[in-house]
């Protein structure tokens, strides 16, 4: 899940004369090499318990070469921050090779990236037991960001209430929007790419978008998936049918077992959804998937679906539910167990359980939300009933507002094909002051990816539009315009 958010502090203008030649000296035309060394600082374990003084080492990266040159003549340089989500950040390349960088260099910004608590090397506790995971929440993550920003401003000598612009994609995009929402005094502008800011318990809308996105390419392909799924559902109604399916799909486990059957359908939904979500990147292609599904000698839709899954699985299809639960119960920090951390967040706050629970659903009635609630209980304990999880998701929406976002200067970007748009904001609100942009024929967080010569023209155009929207909100000096008046003293912030 990913979206871009930027925050902005408005300053009064105090101008001193500076030559345009000096302004061009500050801003190189080409990117310069950044160092990608990891850095660590002491982060608070619990921002909401004042009696808890424990700290831990949070990993971050920065690129300061442009900032170091420019701050000597202009002290109000902004800080640009990439917020990271549910994954490791093992390199700092985005600090000088990303759309954020190409915008940030126009301002000679200090560019940084912060790793999320409990992911990668940012480990607040010795392990990830249920007792320790109580410190993993979006609220703690937002306070991490604010504490980090305050510390970094002090470390790098920012004394002018310098603007902070934040960027994030998917879950991190939601964090970008939320940190702007909750801390508008600290965060000036936000870009939230593919951000699911509405937390939905039974996220059937995801597969509605998957169906529509596939139909844009090939309606017959979408029909084969739906009709094949309807026939799968029929087969699940008898033991003989389940044995038939087990053989037809060459499943890893017998589908007569309820948990393994649900795991098979979850895997099928995930495989096709992932292709749509990342179409055009990560070797994912809707046309290639549809070529497999519509080609071949099979005439029956269920046989075409079986052939596709077998061809793309590299062995048996589905997975062993019990083995998966054993892995998710592991409480040490491993690469695999980053899935445990995000499952915790889904079960305690976020929801977004991708279902297909009615006959008219894209995959027919093959996967209800009970699969996900049972998994939460199997991994984290009996407390995690459906009622408890629903309540937690409802509390999250009450805290952030869900679709009812109430803050200005946040840009929500969505890919037209991206299934997560069903939990995101797709229309601008001029009264509140946020904007939304849908990018034609692209998927999840594509606008945040590093630019390449193969980017489709609509993405190139959208990135330029994004840049101009954000520039309209940022009040710091834009050195790309070769300014002749650059204030050499702190600018006084205007009253809100």
Protein backbone atom coordinates (compact mmCIF):
# COMPACT_ATOMS: atom_id res chain seq x y z
CA UNK A 1 0.00 0.00 0.00
CA UNK A 2 1.69 3.51 -0.96
CA UNK A 3 0.83 7.46 -1.26
CA UNK A 4 2.77 10.76 -1.25
CA UNK A 5 2.16 13.46 1.37
CA UNK A 6 3.84 16.86 1.79
CA UNK A 7 3.45 19.38 4.60
CA UNK A 8 4.06 23.12 4.51
CA UNK A 9 4.68 25.97 6.90
CA UNK A 10 3.82 29.41 5.51
CA UNK A 11 6.43 32.12 5.98
CA UNK A 12 6.42 35.88 5.56
CA UNK A 13 8.88 37.12 2.93
CA UNK A 14 11.99 39.05 3.99
CA UNK A 15 14.25 39.64 0.99
CA UNK A 16 17.93 40.45 0.77
CA UNK A 17 19.77 40.91 -2.49
CA UNK A 18 21.61 37.85 -3.80
CA UNK A 19 23.03 37.44 -7.28
CA UNK A 20 21.44 34.94 -9.65
CA UNK A 21 24.87 33.48 -10.35
CA UNK A 22 25.19 32.48 -6.70
CA UNK A 23 21.76 30.86 -6.83
CA UNK A 24 22.90 28.74 -9.78
CA UNK A 25 26.07 27.78 -7.99
CA UNK A 26 23.98 26.37 -5.12
CA UNK A 27 21.84 24.19 -7.38
CA UNK A 28 23.79 21.77 -9.61
CA UNK A 29 22.06 20.80 -12.86
CA UNK A 30 22.78 17.12 -12.28
CA UNK A 31 22.39 14.92 -9.25
CA UNK A 32 25.55 14.42 -7.24
CA UNK A 33 26.47 11.23 -5.48
CA UNK A 34 25.07 10.73 -2.01
CA UNK A 35 26.54 8.48 0.63
CA UNK A 36 24.24 5.63 1.55
CA UNK A 37 25.59 4.93 5.01
CA UNK A 38 22.97 4.03 7.58
CA UNK A 39 22.62 6.26 10.61
CA UNK A 40 20.86 5.64 13.91
CA UNK A 41 19.39 7.85 16.59
CA UNK A 42 17.78 7.30 19.98
CA UNK A 43 14.03 7.02 19.53
CA UNK A 44 11.48 6.81 22.36
CA UNK A 45 9.90 3.42 22.94
CA UNK A 46 6.52 4.78 24.07
CA UNK A 47 5.49 8.33 23.18
CA UNK A 48 2.29 8.10 25.23
CA UNK A 49 3.70 6.96 28.58
CA UNK A 50 5.74 9.75 30.14
CA UNK A 51 7.04 7.41 32.83
CA UNK A 52 8.66 5.17 30.19
CA UNK A 53 12.16 6.47 29.47
CA UNK A 54 13.31 3.53 27.35
CA UNK A 55 14.85 4.25 23.95
CA UNK A 56 16.00 2.25 20.95
CA UNK A 57 18.04 2.82 17.78
CA UNK A 58 16.01 3.84 14.72
CA UNK A 59 17.67 3.68 11.31
CA UNK A 60 17.64 6.56 8.84
CA UNK A 61 19.48 7.84 5.79
CA UNK A 62 20.13 11.34 4.57
CA UNK A 63 21.60 13.36 1.71
CA UNK A 64 22.76 16.81 2.77
CA UNK A 65 25.21 18.03 0.12
CA UNK A 66 22.85 20.56 -1.47
CA UNK A 67 21.57 21.69 1.92
CA UNK A 68 25.10 22.12 3.32
CA UNK A 69 25.97 24.51 0.50
CA UNK A 70 22.72 26.50 0.46
CA UNK A 71 22.15 27.02 4.19
CA UNK A 72 25.11 29.40 4.29
CA UNK A 73 23.12 32.04 2.41
CA UNK A 74 19.52 30.92 2.98
CA UNK A 75 18.63 29.56 6.44
CA UNK A 76 15.03 28.56 5.60
CA UNK A 77 15.91 25.50 3.51
CA UNK A 78 13.17 22.83 3.87
CA UNK A 79 13.51 19.23 5.05
CA UNK A 80 12.12 16.57 2.67
CA UNK A 81 11.36 13.22 4.30
CA UNK A 82 10.45 9.86 2.77
CA UNK A 83 8.38 7.93 5.30
CA UNK A 84 8.91 4.19 5.06
CA UNK A 85 6.33 1.53 5.78
CA UNK A 86 6.20 -2.22 6.30
CA UNK A 87 9.62 -3.18 4.95
CA UNK A 88 13.35 -2.84 5.49
CA UNK A 89 15.16 0.21 4.18
CA UNK A 90 18.58 -1.20 3.42
CA UNK A 91 19.85 1.59 1.18
CA UNK A 92 19.45 5.34 1.15
CA UNK A 93 19.28 5.68 -2.63
CA UNK A 94 15.88 7.40 -2.59
CA UNK A 95 17.45 10.41 -0.90
CA UNK A 96 19.16 11.35 -4.16
CA UNK A 97 17.49 9.23 -6.85
CA UNK A 98 13.72 9.58 -6.69
CA UNK A 99 10.93 11.99 -7.59
CA UNK A 100 11.39 13.47 -4.10
CA UNK A 101 15.01 14.22 -4.92
CA UNK A 102 14.21 15.85 -8.25
CA UNK A 103 11.74 18.15 -6.51
CA UNK A 104 13.92 18.65 -3.47
CA UNK A 105 16.99 19.77 -5.36
CA UNK A 106 15.05 22.78 -6.65
CA UNK A 107 14.94 23.86 -2.99
CA UNK A 108 18.39 22.51 -1.99
CA UNK A 109 16.44 20.50 0.58
CA UNK A 110 17.88 18.31 3.28
CA UNK A 111 16.62 14.92 2.08
CA UNK A 112 16.02 12.04 4.48
CA UNK A 113 14.42 8.62 4.77
CA UNK A 114 13.21 7.07 8.03
CA UNK A 115 12.69 3.36 8.62
CA UNK A 116 9.46 2.33 10.41
CA UNK A 117 9.69 0.87 13.90
CA UNK A 118 9.80 -2.94 14.01
CA UNK A 119 10.97 -3.28 10.39
CA UNK A 120 14.47 -3.80 9.07
CA UNK A 121 17.09 -2.79 11.61
CA UNK A 122 14.73 -0.51 13.57
CA UNK A 123 13.99 -2.83 16.46
CA UNK A 124 12.47 -1.26 19.58
CA UNK A 125 12.34 -4.54 21.53
CA UNK A 126 14.52 -7.67 21.70
CA UNK A 127 11.87 -9.77 19.96
CA UNK A 128 8.37 -9.55 18.54
CA UNK A 129 6.25 -11.35 21.10
CA UNK A 130 2.66 -10.25 21.53
CA UNK A 131 3.71 -8.39 24.68
CA UNK A 132 6.35 -6.42 22.78
CA UNK A 133 4.22 -5.77 19.71
CA UNK A 134 1.98 -3.52 21.80
CA UNK A 135 4.44 -0.74 20.85
CA UNK A 136 3.74 -1.26 17.14
CA UNK A 137 0.96 1.07 16.01
CA UNK A 138 0.42 3.83 13.49
CA UNK A 139 0.08 6.33 16.35
CA UNK A 140 3.52 5.43 17.71
CA UNK A 141 4.90 5.63 14.16
CA UNK A 142 3.54 9.17 13.69
CA UNK A 143 5.14 10.31 16.92
CA UNK A 144 8.39 8.67 15.80
CA UNK A 145 8.27 10.92 12.73
CA UNK A 146 7.69 14.09 14.74
CA UNK A 147 10.39 13.27 17.30
CA UNK A 148 12.79 12.44 14.47
CA UNK A 149 12.04 15.69 12.62
CA UNK A 150 12.65 17.74 15.78
CA UNK A 151 15.94 15.97 16.46
CA UNK A 152 17.15 16.26 12.86
CA UNK A 153 16.31 19.95 12.64
CA UNK A 154 18.45 20.50 15.72
CA UNK A 155 21.24 18.24 14.45
CA UNK A 156 21.46 20.03 11.10
CA UNK A 157 21.10 23.53 12.50
CA UNK A 158 17.62 24.35 11.18
CA UNK A 159 16.56 27.33 13.28
CA UNK A 160 13.95 29.01 11.06
CA UNK A 161 10.89 26.87 11.61
CA UNK A 162 11.95 25.28 8.32
CA UNK A 163 9.19 23.63 6.30
CA UNK A 164 8.91 19.86 6.37
CA UNK A 165 7.58 18.03 3.32
CA UNK A 166 6.77 14.33 3.68
CA UNK A 167 6.30 11.60 1.09
CA UNK A 168 4.98 8.07 1.41
CA UNK A 169 3.38 5.29 -0.57
CA UNK A 170 0.79 2.66 0.33
CA UNK A 171 0.63 2.27 4.15
CA UNK A 172 3.45 4.82 4.39
CA UNK A 173 1.32 7.10 2.22
CA UNK A 174 -1.43 6.88 4.81
CA UNK A 175 1.15 7.76 7.47
CA UNK A 176 2.18 10.80 5.42
CA UNK A 177 -1.42 11.99 5.22
CA UNK A 178 -2.05 11.25 8.89
CA UNK A 179 1.08 12.98 10.19
CA UNK A 180 0.06 16.10 8.24
CA UNK A 181 -3.44 15.73 9.70
CA UNK A 182 -2.33 15.31 13.31
CA UNK A 183 0.69 17.65 13.29
CA UNK A 184 0.04 20.51 10.85
CA UNK A 185 2.29 22.74 12.98
CA UNK A 186 5.24 20.41 12.31
CA UNK A 187 4.48 19.06 8.83
CA UNK A 188 3.84 21.60 6.10
CA UNK A 189 3.01 19.53 3.01
CA UNK A 190 2.40 15.86 2.26
CA UNK A 191 2.17 13.63 -0.78
CA UNK A 192 0.34 10.36 -0.18
CA UNK A 193 0.64 7.87 -3.04
CA UNK A 194 -1.81 4.94 -3.19
CA UNK A 195 -2.67 5.61 0.43
CA UNK A 196 -5.46 3.48 1.99
CA UNK A 197 -6.52 6.09 4.52
CA UNK A 198 -9.90 4.43 5.12
CA UNK A 199 -9.47 1.28 7.17
CA UNK A 200 -11.99 -1.25 5.91
CA UNK A 201 -12.61 -4.51 7.76
CA UNK A 202 -14.07 -6.51 4.85
CA UNK A 203 -12.19 -5.05 1.87
CA UNK A 204 -14.28 -6.47 -0.99
CA UNK A 205 -13.69 -3.26 -2.97
CA UNK A 206 -10.13 -4.33 -3.76
CA UNK A 207 -11.29 -7.09 -6.10
CA UNK A 208 -13.91 -4.87 -7.72
CA UNK A 209 -11.04 -2.71 -8.96
CA UNK A 210 -9.05 -5.80 -10.00
CA UNK A 211 -11.96 -6.90 -12.19
CA UNK A 212 -12.37 -3.45 -13.77
CA UNK A 213 -8.63 -3.06 -14.38
CA UNK A 214 -8.40 -6.43 -16.17
CA UNK A 215 -11.49 -5.57 -18.25
CA UNK A 216 -9.69 -2.46 -19.51
CA UNK A 217 -7.24 -4.82 -21.20
CA UNK A 218 -9.31 -7.88 -22.01
CA UNK A 219 -12.97 -8.45 -21.08
CA UNK A 220 -12.74 -12.13 -22.03
CA UNK A 221 -9.86 -12.56 -19.59
CA UNK A 222 -11.95 -11.10 -16.75
CA UNK A 223 -14.85 -13.37 -17.71
CA UNK A 224 -12.64 -16.48 -17.61
CA UNK A 225 -11.47 -15.63 -14.07
CA UNK A 226 -15.00 -14.99 -12.79
CA UNK A 227 -16.61 -17.97 -14.54
CA UNK A 228 -13.77 -20.26 -13.48
CA UNK A 229 -14.20 -19.07 -9.89
CA UNK A 230 -17.95 -19.74 -9.98
CA UNK A 231 -17.18 -23.32 -11.00
CA UNK A 232 -14.56 -23.58 -8.25
CA UNK A 233 -17.19 -22.50 -5.73
CA UNK A 234 -19.56 -25.21 -6.99
CA UNK A 235 -16.86 -27.86 -6.60
CA UNK A 236 -16.26 -26.86 -2.96
CA UNK A 237 -19.80 -27.92 -2.04
CA UNK A 238 -19.06 -31.67 -2.13
CA UNK A 239 -16.16 -33.81 -0.97
CA UNK A 240 -15.90 -35.32 -4.43
CA UNK A 241 -15.71 -31.86 -5.94
CA UNK A 242 -12.95 -30.85 -3.53
CA UNK A 243 -10.92 -33.96 -4.43
CA UNK A 244 -11.46 -33.12 -8.11
CA UNK A 245 -10.16 -29.60 -7.51
CA UNK A 246 -7.16 -30.88 -5.56
CA UNK A 247 -6.15 -32.96 -8.59
CA UNK A 248 -7.06 -30.40 -11.24
CA UNK A 249 -5.10 -27.57 -9.62
CA UNK A 250 -2.23 -29.75 -8.33
CA UNK A 251 -2.61 -28.14 -4.92
CA UNK A 252 0.05 -28.33 -2.22
CA UNK A 253 -2.47 -29.67 0.28
CA UNK A 254 -5.81 -31.43 -0.03
CA UNK A 255 -8.64 -28.94 -0.38
CA UNK A 256 -10.85 -31.14 1.77
CA UNK A 257 -9.12 -29.39 4.69
CA UNK A 258 -10.96 -26.12 5.38
CA UNK A 259 -7.89 -24.05 6.25
CA UNK A 260 -5.86 -25.29 3.29
CA UNK A 261 -8.83 -24.67 1.01
CA UNK A 262 -9.13 -21.07 2.17
CA UNK A 263 -5.37 -20.66 1.86
CA UNK A 264 -5.60 -21.86 -1.75
CA UNK A 265 -8.22 -19.25 -2.60
CA UNK A 266 -6.36 -16.53 -0.76
CA UNK A 267 -3.25 -17.40 -2.76
CA UNK A 268 -5.20 -17.34 -6.05
CA UNK A 269 -6.70 -13.94 -5.25
CA UNK A 270 -3.34 -12.60 -4.13
CA UNK A 271 -1.51 -13.81 -7.26
CA UNK A 272 -3.87 -12.14 -9.73
CA UNK A 273 -4.32 -9.06 -7.55
CA UNK A 274 -0.55 -8.57 -7.27
CA UNK A 275 -0.22 -8.61 -11.06
CA UNK A 276 -2.87 -5.90 -11.40
CA UNK A 277 -1.54 -3.86 -8.50
CA UNK A 278 1.97 -3.68 -9.91
CA UNK A 279 1.22 -3.87 -13.62
CA UNK A 280 4.19 -2.52 -15.58
CA UNK A 281 6.66 -2.95 -12.70
CA UNK A 282 8.27 -5.82 -10.77
CA UNK A 283 7.87 -8.06 -13.84
CA UNK A 284 4.08 -7.92 -13.49
CA UNK A 285 1.90 -7.61 -16.59
CA UNK A 286 -1.87 -7.80 -17.03
CA UNK A 287 -1.47 -8.53 -20.80
CA UNK A 288 0.94 -11.41 -20.08
CA UNK A 289 -1.41 -12.84 -17.45
CA UNK A 290 -4.38 -12.59 -19.80
CA UNK A 291 -2.39 -14.23 -22.60
CA UNK A 292 -1.88 -17.24 -20.33
CA UNK A 293 -5.52 -17.29 -19.25
CA UNK A 294 -7.05 -16.93 -22.72
CA UNK A 295 -4.54 -19.05 -24.63
CA UNK A 296 -3.87 -22.77 -24.53
CA UNK A 297 -5.97 -25.72 -25.63
CA UNK A 298 -8.38 -25.72 -22.68
CA UNK A 299 -11.96 -24.81 -23.48
CA UNK A 300 -13.45 -24.70 -19.98
CA UNK A 301 -12.84 -21.57 -17.88
CA UNK A 302 -11.92 -23.56 -14.77
CA UNK A 303 -9.33 -25.53 -16.73
CA UNK A 304 -7.85 -22.29 -18.06
CA UNK A 305 -7.67 -20.93 -14.53
CA UNK A 306 -6.02 -24.13 -13.30
CA UNK A 307 -3.46 -24.03 -16.09
CA UNK A 308 -2.61 -20.40 -15.28
CA UNK A 309 -2.08 -21.12 -11.58
CA UNK A 310 0.02 -24.22 -12.23
CA UNK A 311 2.15 -22.40 -14.84
CA UNK A 312 2.85 -19.46 -12.56
CA UNK A 313 3.35 -21.36 -9.29
CA UNK A 314 6.46 -23.30 -10.24
CA UNK A 315 5.15 -26.38 -8.46
CA UNK A 316 2.04 -27.02 -6.41
CA UNK A 317 -0.61 -24.34 -6.01
CA UNK A 318 -1.82 -22.79 -2.77
CA UNK A 319 0.13 -23.34 0.45
CA UNK A 320 0.15 -25.25 3.73
CA UNK A 321 -1.87 -23.18 6.20
CA UNK A 322 -0.39 -24.86 9.29
CA UNK A 323 3.18 -24.26 8.15
CA UNK A 324 2.34 -20.63 7.43
CA UNK A 325 0.91 -20.18 10.94
CA UNK A 326 4.05 -21.72 12.44
CA UNK A 327 6.17 -19.20 10.56
CA UNK A 328 3.98 -16.30 11.64
CA UNK A 329 4.24 -17.37 15.28
CA UNK A 330 8.02 -17.01 15.25
CA UNK A 331 8.97 -14.19 17.60
CA UNK A 332 12.55 -13.51 16.53
CA UNK A 333 13.47 -10.83 13.99
CA UNK A 334 13.91 -12.46 10.59
CA UNK A 335 13.27 -11.28 7.04
CA UNK A 336 10.33 -13.66 6.80
CA UNK A 337 8.85 -12.41 10.03
CA UNK A 338 8.29 -8.90 8.80
CA UNK A 339 5.01 -10.49 7.73
CA UNK A 340 4.24 -11.09 11.41
CA UNK A 341 4.66 -7.41 12.17
CA UNK A 342 2.32 -6.21 9.45
CA UNK A 343 -0.21 -8.92 10.23
CA UNK A 344 -0.24 -7.51 13.76
CA UNK A 345 -1.02 -4.08 12.35
CA UNK A 346 -3.81 -5.49 10.19
CA UNK A 347 -5.33 -7.40 13.10
CA UNK A 348 -5.07 -4.54 15.63
CA UNK A 349 -5.75 -1.43 13.51
CA UNK A 350 -5.84 -1.53 9.75
CA UNK A 351 -8.08 -4.37 8.60
CA UNK A 352 -8.09 -4.23 4.77
CA UNK A 353 -8.76 -7.96 4.53
CA UNK A 354 -9.17 -8.74 0.82
CA UNK A 355 -12.26 -10.89 0.37
CA UNK A 356 -14.51 -12.40 -2.27
CA UNK A 357 -17.62 -13.28 -0.34
CA UNK A 358 -20.63 -13.32 -2.70
CA UNK A 359 -21.49 -15.21 -5.88
CA UNK A 360 -21.30 -11.97 -7.87
CA UNK A 361 -17.82 -11.17 -6.54
CA UNK A 362 -14.97 -11.43 -9.02
CA UNK A 363 -13.81 -14.74 -7.54
CA UNK A 364 -17.37 -15.78 -6.59
CA UNK A 365 -18.04 -16.75 -2.97
CA UNK A 366 -14.65 -18.36 -2.31
CA UNK A 367 -13.04 -16.34 0.49
CA UNK A 368 -14.82 -14.67 3.40
CA UNK A 369 -13.36 -12.36 6.02
CA UNK A 370 -13.48 -15.25 8.52
CA UNK A 371 -10.26 -16.61 6.98
CA UNK A 372 -8.40 -13.51 8.10
CA UNK A 373 -9.94 -13.25 11.56
CA UNK A 374 -9.19 -16.92 12.18
CA UNK A 375 -5.58 -16.33 11.11
CA UNK A 376 -5.28 -13.40 13.53
CA UNK A 377 -6.54 -15.65 16.34
CA UNK A 378 -4.31 -18.57 15.33
CA UNK A 379 -1.20 -16.36 15.35
CA UNK A 380 -1.83 -13.91 18.20
CA UNK A 381 -4.32 -15.61 20.52
CA UNK A 382 -7.98 -16.06 21.39
CA UNK A 383 -8.48 -12.36 22.10
CA UNK A 384 -8.55 -11.72 18.35
CA UNK A 385 -12.17 -12.45 17.60
CA UNK A 386 -14.05 -10.92 14.69
CA UNK A 387 -15.81 -8.55 17.11
CA UNK A 388 -12.51 -7.40 18.62
CA UNK A 389 -10.88 -6.76 15.22
CA UNK A 390 -13.94 -4.89 13.91
CA UNK A 391 -13.82 -2.69 17.00
CA UNK A 392 -10.11 -1.96 16.50
CA UNK A 393 -10.62 -1.00 12.85
CA UNK A 394 -13.55 1.22 13.82
CA UNK A 395 -11.38 2.97 16.43
CA UNK A 396 -8.69 3.64 13.82
CA UNK A 397 -11.19 5.26 11.47
CA UNK A 398 -12.58 7.33 14.33
CA UNK A 399 -9.08 8.55 15.18
CA UNK A 400 -8.06 9.55 11.64
CA UNK A 401 -11.43 10.18 10.01
CA UNK A 402 -11.33 7.52 7.30
CA UNK A 403 -12.51 8.98 4.00
CA UNK A 404 -13.45 12.20 5.83
CA UNK A 405 -9.95 13.70 5.66
CA UNK A 406 -9.78 17.14 7.29
CA UNK A 407 -6.45 18.78 6.43
CA UNK A 408 -5.06 20.98 3.67
CA UNK A 409 -1.88 20.73 1.59
CA UNK A 410 -1.95 16.97 1.15
CA UNK A 411 -1.81 15.53 -2.35
CA UNK A 412 -3.38 12.09 -2.82
CA UNK A 413 -2.18 10.27 -5.94
CA UNK A 414 -3.81 7.08 -7.22
CA UNK A 415 -3.02 4.74 -10.09
CA UNK A 416 -6.08 4.05 -12.23
CA UNK A 417 -5.38 0.30 -12.08
CA UNK A 418 -4.46 0.15 -8.39
CA UNK A 419 -6.91 -1.92 -6.30
CA UNK A 420 -6.03 0.05 -3.15
CA UNK A 421 -7.72 3.12 -4.60
CA UNK A 422 -10.91 1.58 -3.16
CA UNK A 423 -9.67 2.69 0.29
CA UNK A 424 -8.20 6.01 -0.84
CA UNK A 425 -9.21 9.55 -1.71
CA UNK A 426 -9.87 10.12 -5.41
CA UNK A 427 -11.43 13.60 -5.50
CA UNK A 428 -9.98 16.98 -4.53
CA UNK A 429 -11.62 19.08 -1.84
CA UNK A 430 -10.98 22.77 -2.46
CA UNK A 431 -12.83 23.82 0.69
CA UNK A 432 -10.54 21.81 2.96
CA UNK A 433 -7.54 22.35 0.70
CA UNK A 434 -6.30 18.90 -0.33
CA UNK A 435 -5.95 17.61 -3.87
CA UNK A 436 -6.29 14.23 -5.57
CA UNK A 437 -4.85 13.03 -8.84
CA UNK A 438 -5.61 9.77 -10.67
CA UNK A 439 -2.87 8.64 -13.03
CA UNK A 440 -4.16 6.84 -16.11
CA UNK A 441 -3.23 3.21 -16.68
CA UNK A 442 -0.68 2.79 -13.87
CA UNK A 443 -0.68 0.79 -10.66
CA UNK A 444 0.38 1.04 -7.03
CA UNK A 445 2.73 3.89 -6.03
CA UNK A 446 4.14 4.09 -9.55
CA UNK A 447 4.57 7.86 -9.26
CA UNK A 448 7.10 7.38 -6.43
CA UNK A 449 9.32 5.04 -8.43
CA UNK A 450 12.60 6.28 -9.84
CA UNK A 451 12.11 7.82 -13.26
CA UNK A 452 13.20 5.74 -16.26
CA UNK A 453 13.23 6.23 -20.03
CA UNK A 454 10.50 3.58 -20.29
CA UNK A 455 7.98 5.48 -18.16
CA UNK A 456 4.66 5.88 -20.04
CA UNK A 457 3.87 9.45 -21.16
CA UNK A 458 0.87 9.75 -18.83
CA UNK A 459 3.15 9.02 -15.85
CA UNK A 460 5.70 11.58 -17.00
CA UNK A 461 2.93 14.14 -17.35
CA UNK A 462 1.47 13.28 -13.95
CA UNK A 463 4.83 13.64 -12.21
CA UNK A 464 5.16 17.14 -13.61
CA UNK A 465 1.64 17.96 -12.39
CA UNK A 466 2.50 16.56 -8.96
CA UNK A 467 5.62 18.71 -8.87
CA UNK A 468 3.69 21.87 -9.70
CA UNK A 469 0.98 21.18 -7.09
CA UNK A 470 3.57 20.68 -4.37
CA UNK A 471 5.53 23.74 -5.45
CA UNK A 472 2.33 25.75 -5.12
CA UNK A 473 2.24 24.83 -1.43
CA UNK A 474 5.93 25.12 -0.52
CA UNK A 475 6.93 28.66 0.46
CA UNK A 476 10.70 28.23 0.57
CA UNK A 477 12.82 29.76 -2.20
CA UNK A 478 12.74 27.74 -5.43
CA UNK A 479 16.30 28.03 -6.72
CA UNK A 480 15.39 26.52 -10.09
CA UNK A 481 13.76 29.86 -10.89
CA UNK A 482 17.10 31.64 -10.51
CA UNK A 483 15.87 34.03 -7.79
CA UNK A 484 17.59 37.37 -7.35
CA UNK A 485 16.12 38.04 -3.90
CA UNK A 486 17.05 35.36 -1.38
CA UNK A 487 16.37 36.20 2.31
CA UNK A 488 19.46 35.58 4.41
CA UNK A 489 17.60 35.74 7.72
CA UNK A 490 14.83 33.62 9.18
CA UNK A 491 11.40 34.40 7.84
CA UNK A 492 8.66 34.97 10.40
CA UNK A 493 5.82 32.47 10.07
CA UNK A 494 2.43 33.93 9.31
CA UNK A 495 -0.36 33.42 11.82
CA UNK A 496 -2.60 30.49 10.93
